[in-house]
Amino acid sequence: MKLSELQNKQIVSLKDGKNIGNIIDANVMSDGFIESLIIDSNHSLLSFNRNNNTKILWKDIAKIGEDVILVNISKL
């Protein structure tokens, strides 16, 4: 799956079903695997990153569907 395909999907919290935001970038490890997704915090419920972007770790992704990415984040 390409990053551009992921960017077209909404990020939704499993905890409360709210839209968290949109993917603007990804952190990729040297082996090519995605470590985390960077979410635009202007649309985000999370605000713990200094540069107004939120990091969603790949391990926190529960399911990637056709239209949404479901994430399990306890800091909501």
C-alpha atoms as a PDB file:
ATOM      1  CA  MET A   1       0.000   0.000   0.000  1.00  0.00           C
ATOM      2  CA  LYS A   2       1.289   3.455  -0.905  1.00  0.00           C
ATOM      3  CA  LEU A   3       1.331   6.426   1.471  1.00  0.00           C
ATOM      4  CA  SER A   4      -0.858   8.336  -0.986  1.00  0.00           C
ATOM      5  CA  GLU A   5      -3.518   5.629  -0.597  1.00  0.00           C
ATOM      6  CA  LEU A   6      -3.383   5.972   3.188  1.00  0.00           C
ATOM      7  CA  GLN A   7      -3.653   9.766   2.984  1.00  0.00           C
ATOM      8  CA  ASN A   8      -7.090   9.484   1.390  1.00  0.00           C
ATOM      9  CA  LYS A   9      -8.497   7.654   4.423  1.00  0.00           C
ATOM     10  CA  GLN A  10      -9.978   9.218   7.559  1.00  0.00           C
ATOM     11  CA  ILE A  11      -8.369   8.363  10.903  1.00  0.00           C
ATOM     12  CA  VAL A  12     -11.072   7.259  13.382  1.00  0.00           C
ATOM     13  CA  SER A  13     -10.733   6.460  17.087  1.00  0.00           C
ATOM     14  CA  LEU A  14     -11.981   3.053  18.229  1.00  0.00           C
ATOM     15  CA  LYS A  15     -12.582   4.525  21.680  1.00  0.00           C
ATOM     16  CA  ASP A  16     -15.301   7.013  20.699  1.00  0.00           C
ATOM     17  CA  GLY A  17     -15.697   6.836  16.902  1.00  0.00           C
ATOM     18  CA  LYS A  18     -14.496  10.416  16.381  1.00  0.00           C
ATOM     19  CA  ASN A  19     -12.527  11.550  13.356  1.00  0.00           C
ATOM     20  CA  ILE A  20      -8.991  12.276  14.577  1.00  0.00           C
ATOM     21  CA  GLY A  21      -7.608  13.971  11.486  1.00  0.00           C
ATOM     22  CA  ASN A  22      -5.836  13.509   8.181  1.00  0.00           C
ATOM     23  CA  ILE A  23      -2.485  11.910   7.420  1.00  0.00           C
ATOM     24  CA  ILE A  24       0.070  14.459   6.271  1.00  0.00           C
ATOM     25  CA  ASP A  25       3.242  12.365   6.488  1.00  0.00           C
ATOM     26  CA  ALA A  26       4.784   9.132   7.768  1.00  0.00           C
ATOM     27  CA  ASN A  27       7.947   8.132   9.598  1.00  0.00           C
ATOM     28  CA  VAL A  28       9.568   5.287   7.669  1.00  0.00           C
ATOM     29  CA  MET A  29      12.280   3.058   9.136  1.00  0.00           C
ATOM     30  CA  SER A  30      15.420   2.144   7.192  1.00  0.00           C
ATOM     31  CA  ASP A  31      13.915  -1.248   6.283  1.00  0.00           C
ATOM     32  CA  GLY A  32      10.988   0.498   4.562  1.00  0.00           C
ATOM     33  CA  PHE A  33       8.335  -0.238   7.175  1.00  0.00           C
ATOM     34  CA  ILE A  34       6.163   2.573   8.496  1.00  0.00           C
ATOM     35  CA  GLU A  35       6.904   3.412  12.142  1.00  0.00           C
ATOM     36  CA  SER A  36       4.187   6.040  12.577  1.00  0.00           C
ATOM     37  CA  LEU A  37       1.728   8.277  10.763  1.00  0.00           C
ATOM     38  CA  ILE A  38       1.771  12.041  11.229  1.00  0.00           C
ATOM     39  CA  ILE A  39      -1.708  13.542  11.603  1.00  0.00           C
ATOM     40  CA  ASP A  40      -2.614  17.203  11.064  1.00  0.00           C
ATOM     41  CA  SER A  41      -3.508  18.383  14.573  1.00  0.00           C
ATOM     42  CA  ASN A  42      -5.719  21.177  13.278  1.00  0.00           C
ATOM     43  CA  HIS A  43      -8.260  18.401  12.757  1.00  0.00           C
ATOM     44  CA  SER A  44      -7.059  16.320  15.684  1.00  0.00           C
ATOM     45  CA  LEU A  45      -8.327  15.697  19.188  1.00  0.00           C
ATOM     46  CA  LEU A  46      -4.756  15.052  20.280  1.00  0.00           C
ATOM     47  CA  SER A  47      -2.301  17.847  20.968  1.00  0.00           C
ATOM     48  CA  PHE A  48       0.755  16.396  22.674  1.00  0.00           C
ATOM     49  CA  ASN A  49       3.281  17.195  19.947  1.00  0.00           C
ATOM     50  CA  ARG A  50       4.979  20.602  19.935  1.00  0.00           C
ATOM     51  CA  ASN A  51       4.813  21.249  16.203  1.00  0.00           C
ATOM     52  CA  ASN A  52       0.983  20.941  16.066  1.00  0.00           C
ATOM     53  CA  ASN A  53       1.148  17.479  14.518  1.00  0.00           C
ATOM     54  CA  THR A  54       0.159  14.213  16.148  1.00  0.00           C
ATOM     55  CA  LYS A  55       2.067  10.954  15.799  1.00  0.00           C
ATOM     56  CA  ILE A  56       0.079   7.710  15.564  1.00  0.00           C
ATOM     57  CA  LEU A  57       2.327   4.683  16.062  1.00  0.00           C
ATOM     58  CA  TRP A  58       1.847   1.845  13.591  1.00  0.00           C
ATOM     59  CA  LYS A  59       1.222  -0.540  16.516  1.00  0.00           C
ATOM     60  CA  ASP A  60      -1.825   1.573  17.474  1.00  0.00           C
ATOM     61  CA  ILE A  61      -3.543   0.952  14.131  1.00  0.00           C
ATOM     62  CA  ALA A  62      -6.277  -1.631  14.658  1.00  0.00           C
ATOM     63  CA  LYS A  63      -7.606  -1.903  11.094  1.00  0.00           C
ATOM     64  CA  ILE A  64      -7.144  -0.292   7.703  1.00  0.00           C
ATOM     65  CA  GLY A  65     -10.427  -0.308   5.822  1.00  0.00           C
ATOM     66  CA  GLU A  66     -11.494   0.894   2.407  1.00  0.00           C
ATOM     67  CA  ASP A  67     -12.388   4.401   3.657  1.00  0.00           C
ATOM     68  CA  VAL A  68     -11.022   4.672   7.219  1.00  0.00           C
ATOM     69  CA  ILE A  69      -8.126   3.721   9.450  1.00  0.00           C
ATOM     70  CA  LEU A  70      -9.240   2.646  12.924  1.00  0.00           C
ATOM     71  CA  VAL A  71      -6.790   3.472  15.705  1.00  0.00           C
ATOM     72  CA  ASN A  72      -6.681   2.420  19.331  1.00  0.00           C
ATOM     73  CA  ILE A  73      -5.180   5.294  21.282  1.00  0.00           C
ATOM     74  CA  SER A  74      -5.607   5.557  25.028  1.00  0.00           C
ATOM     75  CA  LYS A  75      -4.650   9.292  25.233  1.00  0.00           C
ATOM     76  CA  LEU A  76      -7.920  10.593  23.770  1.00  0.00           C
END
